Structures are given as structure tokens and as C-alpha cells.
Amino acid sequence: KSLFGLIMASGACPILSRLKPLAHFHLPFA
């Protein structure tokens, strides 16, 4: 879940990539 979340937020999906700022401040196992 933690690894997938990082990949999804920082990837190329136009919807999930709106969460990219969270990837820059990634907190594992949040």
C-alpha cells in the first residue's frame, strides 16, 4: 500500500498525479 501509493501519486495518471505534492513529502506507512 505504501509503495503503490508513492508510485500512483508520482506517475502519469492525470487523476492520481494531482496528489504529486504528497509524493514529494512521502511518509511511508502513514
mmCIF file of all heavy atoms, coordinates in Angstrom:
data_MODEL
# 
_entry.id   MODEL 
# 
loop_
_atom_site.group_PDB 
_atom_site.id 
_atom_site.type_symbol 
_atom_site.label_atom_id 
_atom_site.label_alt_id 
_atom_site.label_comp_id 
_atom_site.label_asym_id 
_atom_site.label_entity_id 
_atom_site.label_seq_id 
_atom_site.pdbx_PDB_ins_code 
_atom_site.Cartn_x 
_atom_site.Cartn_y 
_atom_site.Cartn_z 
_atom_site.occupancy 
_atom_site.B_iso_or_equiv 
_atom_site.pdbx_formal_charge 
_atom_site.auth_seq_id 
_atom_site.auth_comp_id 
_atom_site.auth_asym_id 
_atom_site.auth_atom_id 
_atom_site.pdbx_PDB_model_num 
ATOM 1   N N   . LYS A 1 1  ? 0.831  -1.193 0.000   1.00 0.00 ? 1  LYS A N   1 
ATOM 2   C CA  . LYS A 1 1  ? 0.000  0.000  0.000   1.00 0.00 ? 1  LYS A CA  1 
ATOM 3   C C   . LYS A 1 1  ? 0.870  1.251  0.000   1.00 0.00 ? 1  LYS A C   1 
ATOM 4   O O   . LYS A 1 1  ? 0.620  2.217  -0.727  1.00 0.00 ? 1  LYS A O   1 
ATOM 5   C CB  . LYS A 1 1  ? -0.937 -0.025 1.201   1.00 0.00 ? 1  LYS A CB  1 
ATOM 6   C CG  . LYS A 1 1  ? -1.793 1.230  1.376   1.00 0.00 ? 1  LYS A CG  1 
ATOM 7   C CD  . LYS A 1 1  ? -1.261 2.092  2.492   1.00 0.00 ? 1  LYS A CD  1 
ATOM 8   C CE  . LYS A 1 1  ? -2.121 3.312  2.741   1.00 0.00 ? 1  LYS A CE  1 
ATOM 9   N NZ  . LYS A 1 1  ? -1.547 4.215  3.760   1.00 0.00 ? 1  LYS A NZ  1 
ATOM 10  N N   . SER A 1 2  ? 1.918  1.254  0.800   1.00 0.00 ? 2  SER A N   1 
ATOM 11  C CA  . SER A 1 2  ? 2.807  2.409  0.877   1.00 0.00 ? 2  SER A CA  1 
ATOM 12  C C   . SER A 1 2  ? 3.572  2.604  -0.431  1.00 0.00 ? 2  SER A C   1 
ATOM 13  O O   . SER A 1 2  ? 3.677  3.725  -0.947  1.00 0.00 ? 2  SER A O   1 
ATOM 14  C CB  . SER A 1 2  ? 3.789  2.218  2.042   1.00 0.00 ? 2  SER A CB  1 
ATOM 15  O OG  . SER A 1 2  ? 4.499  3.394  2.307   1.00 0.00 ? 2  SER A OG  1 
ATOM 16  N N   . LEU A 1 3  ? 4.102  1.528  -0.990  1.00 0.00 ? 3  LEU A N   1 
ATOM 17  C CA  . LEU A 1 3  ? 4.844  1.604  -2.247  1.00 0.00 ? 3  LEU A CA  1 
ATOM 18  C C   . LEU A 1 3  ? 3.928  1.969  -3.408  1.00 0.00 ? 3  LEU A C   1 
ATOM 19  O O   . LEU A 1 3  ? 4.260  2.846  -4.228  1.00 0.00 ? 3  LEU A O   1 
ATOM 20  C CB  . LEU A 1 3  ? 5.531  0.252  -2.514  1.00 0.00 ? 3  LEU A CB  1 
ATOM 21  C CG  . LEU A 1 3  ? 6.299  0.114  -3.834  1.00 0.00 ? 3  LEU A CG  1 
ATOM 22  C CD1 . LEU A 1 3  ? 7.367  1.193  -3.965  1.00 0.00 ? 3  LEU A CD1 1 
ATOM 23  C CD2 . LEU A 1 3  ? 6.912  -1.279 -3.940  1.00 0.00 ? 3  LEU A CD2 1 
ATOM 24  N N   . PHE A 1 4  ? 2.770  1.329  -3.504  1.00 0.00 ? 4  PHE A N   1 
ATOM 25  C CA  . PHE A 1 4  ? 1.812  1.656  -4.561  1.00 0.00 ? 4  PHE A CA  1 
ATOM 26  C C   . PHE A 1 4  ? 1.393  3.122  -4.488  1.00 0.00 ? 4  PHE A C   1 
ATOM 27  O O   . PHE A 1 4  ? 1.262  3.800  -5.507  1.00 0.00 ? 4  PHE A O   1 
ATOM 28  C CB  . PHE A 1 4  ? 0.562  0.771  -4.444  1.00 0.00 ? 4  PHE A CB  1 
ATOM 29  C CG  . PHE A 1 4  ? 0.748  -0.633 -4.939  1.00 0.00 ? 4  PHE A CG  1 
ATOM 30  C CD1 . PHE A 1 4  ? -0.159 -1.637 -4.589  1.00 0.00 ? 4  PHE A CD1 1 
ATOM 31  C CD2 . PHE A 1 4  ? 1.809  -0.985 -5.756  1.00 0.00 ? 4  PHE A CD2 1 
ATOM 32  C CE1 . PHE A 1 4  ? -0.008 -2.936 -5.048  1.00 0.00 ? 4  PHE A CE1 1 
ATOM 33  C CE2 . PHE A 1 4  ? 1.978  -2.285 -6.221  1.00 0.00 ? 4  PHE A CE2 1 
ATOM 34  C CZ  . PHE A 1 4  ? 1.058  -3.257 -5.859  1.00 0.00 ? 4  PHE A CZ  1 
ATOM 35  N N   . GLY A 1 5  ? 1.156  3.610  -3.278  1.00 0.00 ? 5  GLY A N   1 
ATOM 36  C CA  . GLY A 1 5  ? 0.725  4.998  -3.125  1.00 0.00 ? 5  GLY A CA  1 
ATOM 37  C C   . GLY A 1 5  ? 1.743  5.974  -3.664  1.00 0.00 ? 5  GLY A C   1 
ATOM 38  O O   . GLY A 1 5  ? 1.391  6.960  -4.330  1.00 0.00 ? 5  GLY A O   1 
ATOM 39  N N   . LEU A 1 6  ? 3.020  5.714  -3.395  1.00 0.00 ? 6  LEU A N   1 
ATOM 40  C CA  . LEU A 1 6  ? 4.086  6.573  -3.911  1.00 0.00 ? 6  LEU A CA  1 
ATOM 41  C C   . LEU A 1 6  ? 4.125  6.542  -5.437  1.00 0.00 ? 6  LEU A C   1 
ATOM 42  O O   . LEU A 1 6  ? 4.244  7.591  -6.090  1.00 0.00 ? 6  LEU A O   1 
ATOM 43  C CB  . LEU A 1 6  ? 5.428  6.116  -3.343  1.00 0.00 ? 6  LEU A CB  1 
ATOM 44  C CG  . LEU A 1 6  ? 6.664  6.858  -3.848  1.00 0.00 ? 6  LEU A CG  1 
ATOM 45  C CD1 . LEU A 1 6  ? 6.611  8.330  -3.475  1.00 0.00 ? 6  LEU A CD1 1 
ATOM 46  C CD2 . LEU A 1 6  ? 7.934  6.198  -3.303  1.00 0.00 ? 6  LEU A CD2 1 
ATOM 47  N N   . ILE A 1 7  ? 3.998  5.353  -6.002  1.00 0.00 ? 7  ILE A N   1 
ATOM 48  C CA  . ILE A 1 7  ? 4.029  5.212  -7.463  1.00 0.00 ? 7  ILE A CA  1 
ATOM 49  C C   . ILE A 1 7  ? 2.836  5.917  -8.101  1.00 0.00 ? 7  ILE A C   1 
ATOM 50  O O   . ILE A 1 7  ? 2.978  6.640  -9.093  1.00 0.00 ? 7  ILE A O   1 
ATOM 51  C CB  . ILE A 1 7  ? 4.043  3.716  -7.848  1.00 0.00 ? 7  ILE A CB  1 
ATOM 52  C CG1 . ILE A 1 7  ? 5.371  3.070  -7.424  1.00 0.00 ? 7  ILE A CG1 1 
ATOM 53  C CG2 . ILE A 1 7  ? 3.818  3.536  -9.354  1.00 0.00 ? 7  ILE A CG2 1 
ATOM 54  C CD1 . ILE A 1 7  ? 5.397  1.563  -7.578  1.00 0.00 ? 7  ILE A CD1 1 
ATOM 55  N N   . MET A 1 8  ? 1.654  5.729  -7.532  1.00 0.00 ? 8  MET A N   1 
ATOM 56  C CA  . MET A 1 8  ? 0.441  6.306  -8.113  1.00 0.00 ? 8  MET A CA  1 
ATOM 57  C C   . MET A 1 8  ? 0.485  7.832  -8.089  1.00 0.00 ? 8  MET A C   1 
ATOM 58  O O   . MET A 1 8  ? 0.152  8.495  -9.075  1.00 0.00 ? 8  MET A O   1 
ATOM 59  C CB  . MET A 1 8  ? -0.791 5.799  -7.374  1.00 0.00 ? 8  MET A CB  1 
ATOM 60  C CG  . MET A 1 8  ? -1.085 4.328  -7.636  1.00 0.00 ? 8  MET A CG  1 
ATOM 61  S SD  . MET A 1 8  ? -2.714 3.788  -7.017  1.00 0.00 ? 8  MET A SD  1 
ATOM 62  C CE  . MET A 1 8  ? -2.457 3.876  -5.240  1.00 0.00 ? 8  MET A CE  1 
ATOM 63  N N   . ALA A 1 9  ? 0.895  8.405  -6.960  1.00 0.00 ? 9  ALA A N   1 
ATOM 64  C CA  . ALA A 1 9  ? 0.869  9.863  -6.826  1.00 0.00 ? 9  ALA A CA  1 
ATOM 65  C C   . ALA A 1 9  ? 1.915  10.552 -7.691  1.00 0.00 ? 9  ALA A C   1 
ATOM 66  O O   . ALA A 1 9  ? 1.754  11.721 -8.052  1.00 0.00 ? 9  ALA A O   1 
ATOM 67  C CB  . ALA A 1 9  ? 1.072  10.251 -5.362  1.00 0.00 ? 9  ALA A CB  1 
ATOM 68  N N   . SER A 1 10 ? 2.978  9.841  -8.035  1.00 0.00 ? 10 SER A N   1 
ATOM 69  C CA  . SER A 1 10 ? 4.063  10.468 -8.791  1.00 0.00 ? 10 SER A CA  1 
ATOM 70  C C   . SER A 1 10 ? 4.097  10.049 -10.251 1.00 0.00 ? 10 SER A C   1 
ATOM 71  O O   . SER A 1 10 ? 5.018  10.414 -10.990 1.00 0.00 ? 10 SER A O   1 
ATOM 72  C CB  . SER A 1 10 ? 5.414  10.127 -8.139  1.00 0.00 ? 10 SER A CB  1 
ATOM 73  O OG  . SER A 1 10 ? 5.622  8.719  -8.093  1.00 0.00 ? 10 SER A OG  1 
ATOM 74  N N   . GLY A 1 11 ? 3.095  9.276  -10.695 1.00 0.00 ? 11 GLY A N   1 
ATOM 75  C CA  . GLY A 1 11 ? 3.104  8.741  -12.047 1.00 0.00 ? 11 GLY A CA  1 
ATOM 76  C C   . GLY A 1 11 ? 2.373  9.588  -13.067 1.00 0.00 ? 11 GLY A C   1 
ATOM 77  O O   . GLY A 1 11 ? 2.158  10.791 -12.875 1.00 0.00 ? 11 GLY A O   1 
ATOM 78  N N   . ALA A 1 12 ? 1.964  8.940  -14.161 1.00 0.00 ? 12 ALA A N   1 
ATOM 79  C CA  . ALA A 1 12 ? 1.427  9.655  -15.319 1.00 0.00 ? 12 ALA A CA  1 
ATOM 80  C C   . ALA A 1 12 ? -0.092 9.662  -15.393 1.00 0.00 ? 12 ALA A C   1 
ATOM 81  O O   . ALA A 1 12 ? -0.653 10.216 -16.337 1.00 0.00 ? 12 ALA A O   1 
ATOM 82  C CB  . ALA A 1 12 ? 1.993  9.035  -16.606 1.00 0.00 ? 12 ALA A CB  1 
ATOM 83  N N   . CYS A 1 13 ? -0.782 9.043  -14.425 1.00 0.00 ? 13 CYS A N   1 
ATOM 84  C CA  . CYS A 1 13 ? -2.244 9.093  -14.441 1.00 0.00 ? 13 CYS A CA  1 
ATOM 85  C C   . CYS A 1 13 ? -2.689 10.531 -14.191 1.00 0.00 ? 13 CYS A C   1 
ATOM 86  O O   . CYS A 1 13 ? -2.297 11.141 -13.190 1.00 0.00 ? 13 CYS A O   1 
ATOM 87  C CB  . CYS A 1 13 ? -2.813 8.184  -13.355 1.00 0.00 ? 13 CYS A CB  1 
ATOM 88  S SG  . CYS A 1 13 ? -4.592 8.366  -13.086 1.00 0.00 ? 13 CYS A SG  1 
ATOM 89  N N   . PRO A 1 14 ? -3.508 11.109 -15.071 1.00 0.00 ? 14 PRO A N   1 
ATOM 90  C CA  . PRO A 1 14 ? -3.899 12.515 -14.911 1.00 0.00 ? 14 PRO A CA  1 
ATOM 91  C C   . PRO A 1 14 ? -4.730 12.792 -13.656 1.00 0.00 ? 14 PRO A C   1 
ATOM 92  O O   . PRO A 1 14 ? -4.785 13.933 -13.198 1.00 0.00 ? 14 PRO A O   1 
ATOM 93  C CB  . PRO A 1 14 ? -4.708 12.798 -16.177 1.00 0.00 ? 14 PRO A CB  1 
ATOM 94  C CG  . PRO A 1 14 ? -5.146 11.467 -16.682 1.00 0.00 ? 14 PRO A CG  1 
ATOM 95  C CD  . PRO A 1 14 ? -4.069 10.514 -16.297 1.00 0.00 ? 14 PRO A CD  1 
ATOM 96  N N   . ILE A 1 15 ? -5.352 11.774 -13.094 1.00 0.00 ? 15 ILE A N   1 
ATOM 97  C CA  . ILE A 1 15 ? -6.139 11.967 -11.865 1.00 0.00 ? 15 ILE A CA  1 
ATOM 98  C C   . ILE A 1 15 ? -5.261 11.776 -10.634 1.00 0.00 ? 15 ILE A C   1 
ATOM 99  O O   . ILE A 1 15 ? -5.184 12.651 -9.767  1.00 0.00 ? 15 ILE A O   1 
ATOM 100 C CB  . ILE A 1 15 ? -7.336 10.997 -11.850 1.00 0.00 ? 15 ILE A CB  1 
ATOM 101 C CG1 . ILE A 1 15 ? -8.297 11.331 -12.981 1.00 0.00 ? 15 ILE A CG1 1 
ATOM 102 C CG2 . ILE A 1 15 ? -8.056 11.071 -10.488 1.00 0.00 ? 15 ILE A CG2 1 
ATOM 103 C CD1 . ILE A 1 15 ? -9.418 10.340 -13.161 1.00 0.00 ? 15 ILE A CD1 1 
ATOM 104 N N   . LEU A 1 16 ? -4.561 10.661 -10.553 1.00 0.00 ? 16 LEU A N   1 
ATOM 105 C CA  . LEU A 1 16 ? -3.737 10.388 -9.383  1.00 0.00 ? 16 LEU A CA  1 
ATOM 106 C C   . LEU A 1 16 ? -2.570 11.359 -9.262  1.00 0.00 ? 16 LEU A C   1 
ATOM 107 O O   . LEU A 1 16 ? -2.121 11.658 -8.147  1.00 0.00 ? 16 LEU A O   1 
ATOM 108 C CB  . LEU A 1 16 ? -3.211 8.952  -9.449  1.00 0.00 ? 16 LEU A CB  1 
ATOM 109 C CG  . LEU A 1 16 ? -4.262 7.839  -9.409  1.00 0.00 ? 16 LEU A CG  1 
ATOM 110 C CD1 . LEU A 1 16 ? -3.593 6.480  -9.552  1.00 0.00 ? 16 LEU A CD1 1 
ATOM 111 C CD2 . LEU A 1 16 ? -5.083 7.907  -8.136  1.00 0.00 ? 16 LEU A CD2 1 
ATOM 112 N N   . SER A 1 17 ? -2.077 11.873 -10.377 1.00 0.00 ? 17 SER A N   1 
ATOM 113 C CA  . SER A 1 17 ? -0.924 12.777 -10.334 1.00 0.00 ? 17 SER A CA  1 
ATOM 114 C C   . SER A 1 17 ? -1.258 14.110 -9.675  1.00 0.00 ? 17 SER A C   1 
ATOM 115 O O   . SER A 1 17 ? -0.353 14.886 -9.349  1.00 0.00 ? 17 SER A O   1 
ATOM 116 C CB  . SER A 1 17 ? -0.378 13.025 -11.747 1.00 0.00 ? 17 SER A CB  1 
ATOM 117 O OG  . SER A 1 17 ? -1.353 13.626 -12.572 1.00 0.00 ? 17 SER A OG  1 
ATOM 118 N N   . ARG A 1 18 ? -2.536 14.386 -9.455  1.00 0.00 ? 18 ARG A N   1 
ATOM 119 C CA  . ARG A 1 18 ? -2.901 15.589 -8.713  1.00 0.00 ? 18 ARG A CA  1 
ATOM 120 C C   . ARG A 1 18 ? -2.449 15.494 -7.253  1.00 0.00 ? 18 ARG A C   1 
ATOM 121 O O   . ARG A 1 18 ? -2.411 16.494 -6.537  1.00 0.00 ? 18 ARG A O   1 
ATOM 122 C CB  . ARG A 1 18 ? -4.413 15.814 -8.796  1.00 0.00 ? 18 ARG A CB  1 
ATOM 123 C CG  . ARG A 1 18 ? -4.905 16.176 -10.193 1.00 0.00 ? 18 ARG A CG  1 
ATOM 124 C CD  . ARG A 1 18 ? -6.412 16.295 -10.241 1.00 0.00 ? 18 ARG A CD  1 
ATOM 125 N NE  . ARG A 1 18 ? -6.912 17.340 -9.346  1.00 0.00 ? 18 ARG A NE  1 
ATOM 126 C CZ  . ARG A 1 18 ? -8.208 17.546 -9.094  1.00 0.00 ? 18 ARG A CZ  1 
ATOM 127 N NH1 . ARG A 1 18 ? -9.122 16.753 -9.670  1.00 0.00 ? 18 ARG A NH1 1 
ATOM 128 N NH2 . ARG A 1 18 ? -8.581 18.510 -8.283  1.00 0.00 ? 18 ARG A NH2 1 
ATOM 129 N N   . LEU A 1 19 ? -2.081 14.294 -6.830  1.00 0.00 ? 19 LEU A N   1 
ATOM 130 C CA  . LEU A 1 19 ? -1.580 14.081 -5.477  1.00 0.00 ? 19 LEU A CA  1 
ATOM 131 C C   . LEU A 1 19 ? -0.055 14.120 -5.415  1.00 0.00 ? 19 LEU A C   1 
ATOM 132 O O   . LEU A 1 19 ? 0.535  13.772 -4.389  1.00 0.00 ? 19 LEU A O   1 
ATOM 133 C CB  . LEU A 1 19 ? -2.074 12.729 -4.939  1.00 0.00 ? 19 LEU A CB  1 
ATOM 134 C CG  . LEU A 1 19 ? -3.590 12.568 -4.831  1.00 0.00 ? 19 LEU A CG  1 
ATOM 135 C CD1 . LEU A 1 19 ? -3.951 11.128 -4.497  1.00 0.00 ? 19 LEU A CD1 1 
ATOM 136 C CD2 . LEU A 1 19 ? -4.163 13.512 -3.786  1.00 0.00 ? 19 LEU A CD2 1 
ATOM 137 N N   . LYS A 1 20 ? 0.576  14.572 -6.472  1.00 0.00 ? 20 LYS A N   1 
ATOM 138 C CA  . LYS A 1 20 ? 2.037  14.531 -6.547  1.00 0.00 ? 20 LYS A CA  1 
ATOM 139 C C   . LYS A 1 20 ? 2.726  15.281 -5.412  1.00 0.00 ? 20 LYS A C   1 
ATOM 140 O O   . LYS A 1 20 ? 3.792  14.847 -4.938  1.00 0.00 ? 20 LYS A O   1 
ATOM 141 C CB  . LYS A 1 20 ? 2.518  15.059 -7.891  1.00 0.00 ? 20 LYS A CB  1 
ATOM 142 C CG  . LYS A 1 20 ? 4.008  14.808 -8.122  1.00 0.00 ? 20 LYS A CG  1 
ATOM 143 C CD  . LYS A 1 20 ? 4.413  15.058 -9.551  1.00 0.00 ? 20 LYS A CD  1 
ATOM 144 C CE  . LYS A 1 20 ? 5.859  14.684 -9.781  1.00 0.00 ? 20 LYS A CE  1 
ATOM 145 N NZ  . LYS A 1 20 ? 6.272  14.838 -11.193 1.00 0.00 ? 20 LYS A NZ  1 
ATOM 146 N N   . PRO A 1 21 ? 2.203  16.416 -4.926  1.00 0.00 ? 21 PRO A N   1 
ATOM 147 C CA  . PRO A 1 21 ? 2.878  17.063 -3.788  1.00 0.00 ? 21 PRO A CA  1 
ATOM 148 C C   . PRO A 1 21 ? 3.051  16.136 -2.596  1.00 0.00 ? 21 PRO A C   1 
ATOM 149 O O   . PRO A 1 21 ? 4.036  16.241 -1.858  1.00 0.00 ? 21 PRO A O   1 
ATOM 150 C CB  . PRO A 1 21 ? 1.946  18.238 -3.461  1.00 0.00 ? 21 PRO A CB  1 
ATOM 151 C CG  . PRO A 1 21 ? 1.300  18.571 -4.758  1.00 0.00 ? 21 PRO A CG  1 
ATOM 152 C CD  . PRO A 1 21 ? 1.088  17.244 -5.437  1.00 0.00 ? 21 PRO A CD  1 
ATOM 153 N N   . LEU A 1 22 ? 2.113  15.217 -2.401  1.00 0.00 ? 22 LEU A N   1 
ATOM 154 C CA  . LEU A 1 22 ? 2.236  14.266 -1.297  1.00 0.00 ? 22 LEU A CA  1 
ATOM 155 C C   . LEU A 1 22 ? 3.399  13.306 -1.530  1.00 0.00 ? 22 LEU A C   1 
ATOM 156 O O   . LEU A 1 22 ? 4.044  12.857 -0.578  1.00 0.00 ? 22 LEU A O   1 
ATOM 157 C CB  . LEU A 1 22 ? 0.938  13.477 -1.114  1.00 0.00 ? 22 LEU A CB  1 
ATOM 158 C CG  . LEU A 1 22 ? -0.314 14.292 -0.786  1.00 0.00 ? 22 LEU A CG  1 
ATOM 159 C CD1 . LEU A 1 22 ? -1.494 13.355 -0.537  1.00 0.00 ? 22 LEU A CD1 1 
ATOM 160 C CD2 . LEU A 1 22 ? -0.096 15.192 0.416   1.00 0.00 ? 22 LEU A CD2 1 
ATOM 161 N N   . ALA A 1 23 ? 3.678  12.985 -2.795  1.00 0.00 ? 23 ALA A N   1 
ATOM 162 C CA  . ALA A 1 23 ? 4.808  12.115 -3.108  1.00 0.00 ? 23 ALA A CA  1 
ATOM 163 C C   . ALA A 1 23 ? 6.123  12.792 -2.759  1.00 0.00 ? 23 ALA A C   1 
ATOM 164 O O   . ALA A 1 23 ? 7.080  12.146 -2.305  1.00 0.00 ? 23 ALA A O   1 
ATOM 165 C CB  . ALA A 1 23 ? 4.784  11.731 -4.589  1.00 0.00 ? 23 ALA A CB  1 
ATOM 166 N N   . HIS A 1 24 ? 6.190  14.102 -2.966  1.00 0.00 ? 24 HIS A N   1 
ATOM 167 C CA  . HIS A 1 24 ? 7.415  14.841 -2.643  1.00 0.00 ? 24 HIS A CA  1 
ATOM 168 C C   . HIS A 1 24 ? 7.678  14.855 -1.142  1.00 0.00 ? 24 HIS A C   1 
ATOM 169 O O   . HIS A 1 24 ? 8.822  15.011 -0.714  1.00 0.00 ? 24 HIS A O   1 
ATOM 170 C CB  . HIS A 1 24 ? 7.323  16.268 -3.174  1.00 0.00 ? 24 HIS A CB  1 
ATOM 171 C CG  . HIS A 1 24 ? 7.673  16.379 -4.627  1.00 0.00 ? 24 HIS A CG  1 
ATOM 172 N ND1 . HIS A 1 24 ? 8.981  16.437 -5.068  1.00 0.00 ? 24 HIS A ND1 1 
ATOM 173 C CD2 . HIS A 1 24 ? 6.894  16.416 -5.729  1.00 0.00 ? 24 HIS A CD2 1 
ATOM 174 C CE1 . HIS A 1 24 ? 8.996  16.523 -6.390  1.00 0.00 ? 24 HIS A CE1 1 
ATOM 175 N NE2 . HIS A 1 24 ? 7.741  16.506 -6.819  1.00 0.00 ? 24 HIS A NE2 1 
ATOM 176 N N   . PHE A 1 25 ? 6.619  14.711 -0.358  1.00 0.00 ? 25 PHE A N   1 
ATOM 177 C CA  . PHE A 1 25 ? 6.767  14.658 1.096   1.00 0.00 ? 25 PHE A CA  1 
ATOM 178 C C   . PHE A 1 25 ? 6.276  13.303 1.600   1.00 0.00 ? 25 PHE A C   1 
ATOM 179 O O   . PHE A 1 25 ? 5.510  13.212 2.560   1.00 0.00 ? 25 PHE A O   1 
ATOM 180 C CB  . PHE A 1 25 ? 5.985  15.806 1.746   1.00 0.00 ? 25 PHE A CB  1 
ATOM 181 C CG  . PHE A 1 25 ? 6.470  17.172 1.320   1.00 0.00 ? 25 PHE A CG  1 
ATOM 182 C CD1 . PHE A 1 25 ? 5.816  17.868 0.314   1.00 0.00 ? 25 PHE A CD1 1 
ATOM 183 C CD2 . PHE A 1 25 ? 7.592  17.738 1.909   1.00 0.00 ? 25 PHE A CD2 1 
ATOM 184 C CE1 . PHE A 1 25 ? 6.268  19.113 -0.098  1.00 0.00 ? 25 PHE A CE1 1 
ATOM 185 C CE2 . PHE A 1 25 ? 8.050  18.984 1.506   1.00 0.00 ? 25 PHE A CE2 1 
ATOM 186 C CZ  . PHE A 1 25 ? 7.386  19.680 0.496   1.00 0.00 ? 25 PHE A CZ  1 
ATOM 187 N N   . HIS A 1 26 ? 6.736  12.258 0.917   1.00 0.00 ? 26 HIS A N   1 
ATOM 188 C CA  . HIS A 1 26 ? 6.270  10.896 1.170   1.00 0.00 ? 26 HIS A CA  1 
ATOM 189 C C   . HIS A 1 26 ? 6.523  10.480 2.615   1.00 0.00 ? 26 HIS A C   1 
ATOM 190 O O   . HIS A 1 26 ? 7.617  10.661 3.158   1.00 0.00 ? 26 HIS A O   1 
ATOM 191 C CB  . HIS A 1 26 ? 6.989  9.933  0.226   1.00 0.00 ? 26 HIS A CB  1 
ATOM 192 C CG  . HIS A 1 26 ? 6.589  8.504  0.374   1.00 0.00 ? 26 HIS A CG  1 
ATOM 193 N ND1 . HIS A 1 26 ? 5.284  8.070  0.259   1.00 0.00 ? 26 HIS A ND1 1 
ATOM 194 C CD2 . HIS A 1 26 ? 7.332  7.385  0.640   1.00 0.00 ? 26 HIS A CD2 1 
ATOM 195 C CE1 . HIS A 1 26 ? 5.228  6.764  0.421   1.00 0.00 ? 26 HIS A CE1 1 
ATOM 196 N NE2 . HIS A 1 26 ? 6.452  6.324  0.664   1.00 0.00 ? 26 HIS A NE2 1 
ATOM 197 N N   . LEU A 1 27 ? 5.489  9.933  3.241   1.00 0.00 ? 27 LEU A N   1 
ATOM 198 C CA  . LEU A 1 27 ? 5.591  9.395  4.593   1.00 0.00 ? 27 LEU A CA  1 
ATOM 199 C C   . LEU A 1 27 ? 5.194  7.928  4.535   1.00 0.00 ? 27 LEU A C   1 
ATOM 200 O O   . LEU A 1 27 ? 4.006  7.598  4.445   1.00 0.00 ? 27 LEU A O   1 
ATOM 201 C CB  . LEU A 1 27 ? 4.669  10.158 5.548   1.00 0.00 ? 27 LEU A CB  1 
ATOM 202 C CG  . LEU A 1 27 ? 4.685  9.703  7.010   1.00 0.00 ? 27 LEU A CG  1 
ATOM 203 C CD1 . LEU A 1 27 ? 6.079  9.871  7.610   1.00 0.00 ? 27 LEU A CD1 1 
ATOM 204 C CD2 . LEU A 1 27 ? 3.653  10.474 7.826   1.00 0.00 ? 27 LEU A CD2 1 
ATOM 205 N N   . PRO A 1 28 ? 6.175  7.025  4.568   1.00 0.00 ? 28 PRO A N   1 
ATOM 206 C CA  . PRO A 1 28 ? 5.852  5.598  4.478   1.00 0.00 ? 28 PRO A CA  1 
ATOM 207 C C   . PRO A 1 28 ? 4.939  5.147  5.615   1.00 0.00 ? 28 PRO A C   1 
ATOM 208 O O   . PRO A 1 28 ? 5.053  5.625  6.748   1.00 0.00 ? 28 PRO A O   1 
ATOM 209 C CB  . PRO A 1 28 ? 7.226  4.920  4.589   1.00 0.00 ? 28 PRO A CB  1 
ATOM 210 C CG  . PRO A 1 28 ? 8.213  5.976  4.210   1.00 0.00 ? 28 PRO A CG  1 
ATOM 211 C CD  . PRO A 1 28 ? 7.616  7.273  4.677   1.00 0.00 ? 28 PRO A CD  1 
ATOM 212 N N   . PHE A 1 29 ? 4.010  4.255  5.296   1.00 0.00 ? 29 PHE A N   1 
ATOM 213 C CA  . PHE A 1 29 ? 3.120  3.636  6.289   1.00 0.00 ? 29 PHE A CA  1 
ATOM 214 C C   . PHE A 1 29 ? 2.279  4.670  7.041   1.00 0.00 ? 29 PHE A C   1 
ATOM 215 O O   . PHE A 1 29 ? 1.976  4.497  8.221   1.00 0.00 ? 29 PHE A O   1 
ATOM 216 C CB  . PHE A 1 29 ? 3.932  2.793  7.276   1.00 0.00 ? 29 PHE A CB  1 
ATOM 217 C CG  . PHE A 1 29 ? 4.879  1.829  6.628   1.00 0.00 ? 29 PHE A CG  1 
ATOM 218 C CD1 . PHE A 1 29 ? 6.249  2.075  6.596   1.00 0.00 ? 29 PHE A CD1 1 
ATOM 219 C CD2 . PHE A 1 29 ? 4.395  0.694  6.012   1.00 0.00 ? 29 PHE A CD2 1 
ATOM 220 C CE1 . PHE A 1 29 ? 7.120  1.197  5.969   1.00 0.00 ? 29 PHE A CE1 1 
ATOM 221 C CE2 . PHE A 1 29 ? 5.259  -0.201 5.392   1.00 0.00 ? 29 PHE A CE2 1 
ATOM 222 C CZ  . PHE A 1 29 ? 6.621  0.056  5.361   1.00 0.00 ? 29 PHE A CZ  1 
ATOM 223 N N   . ALA A 1 30 ? 1.900  5.743  6.362   1.00 0.00 ? 30 ALA A N   1 
ATOM 224 C CA  . ALA A 1 30 ? 1.121  6.800  7.007   1.00 0.00 ? 30 ALA A CA  1 
ATOM 225 C C   . ALA A 1 30 ? -0.236 6.281  7.462   1.00 0.00 ? 30 ALA A C   1 
ATOM 226 O O   . ALA A 1 30 ? -0.883 5.484  6.776   1.00 0.00 ? 30 ALA A O   1 
ATOM 227 C CB  . ALA A 1 30 ? 0.933  7.966  6.045   1.00 0.00 ? 30 ALA A CB  1 
# 
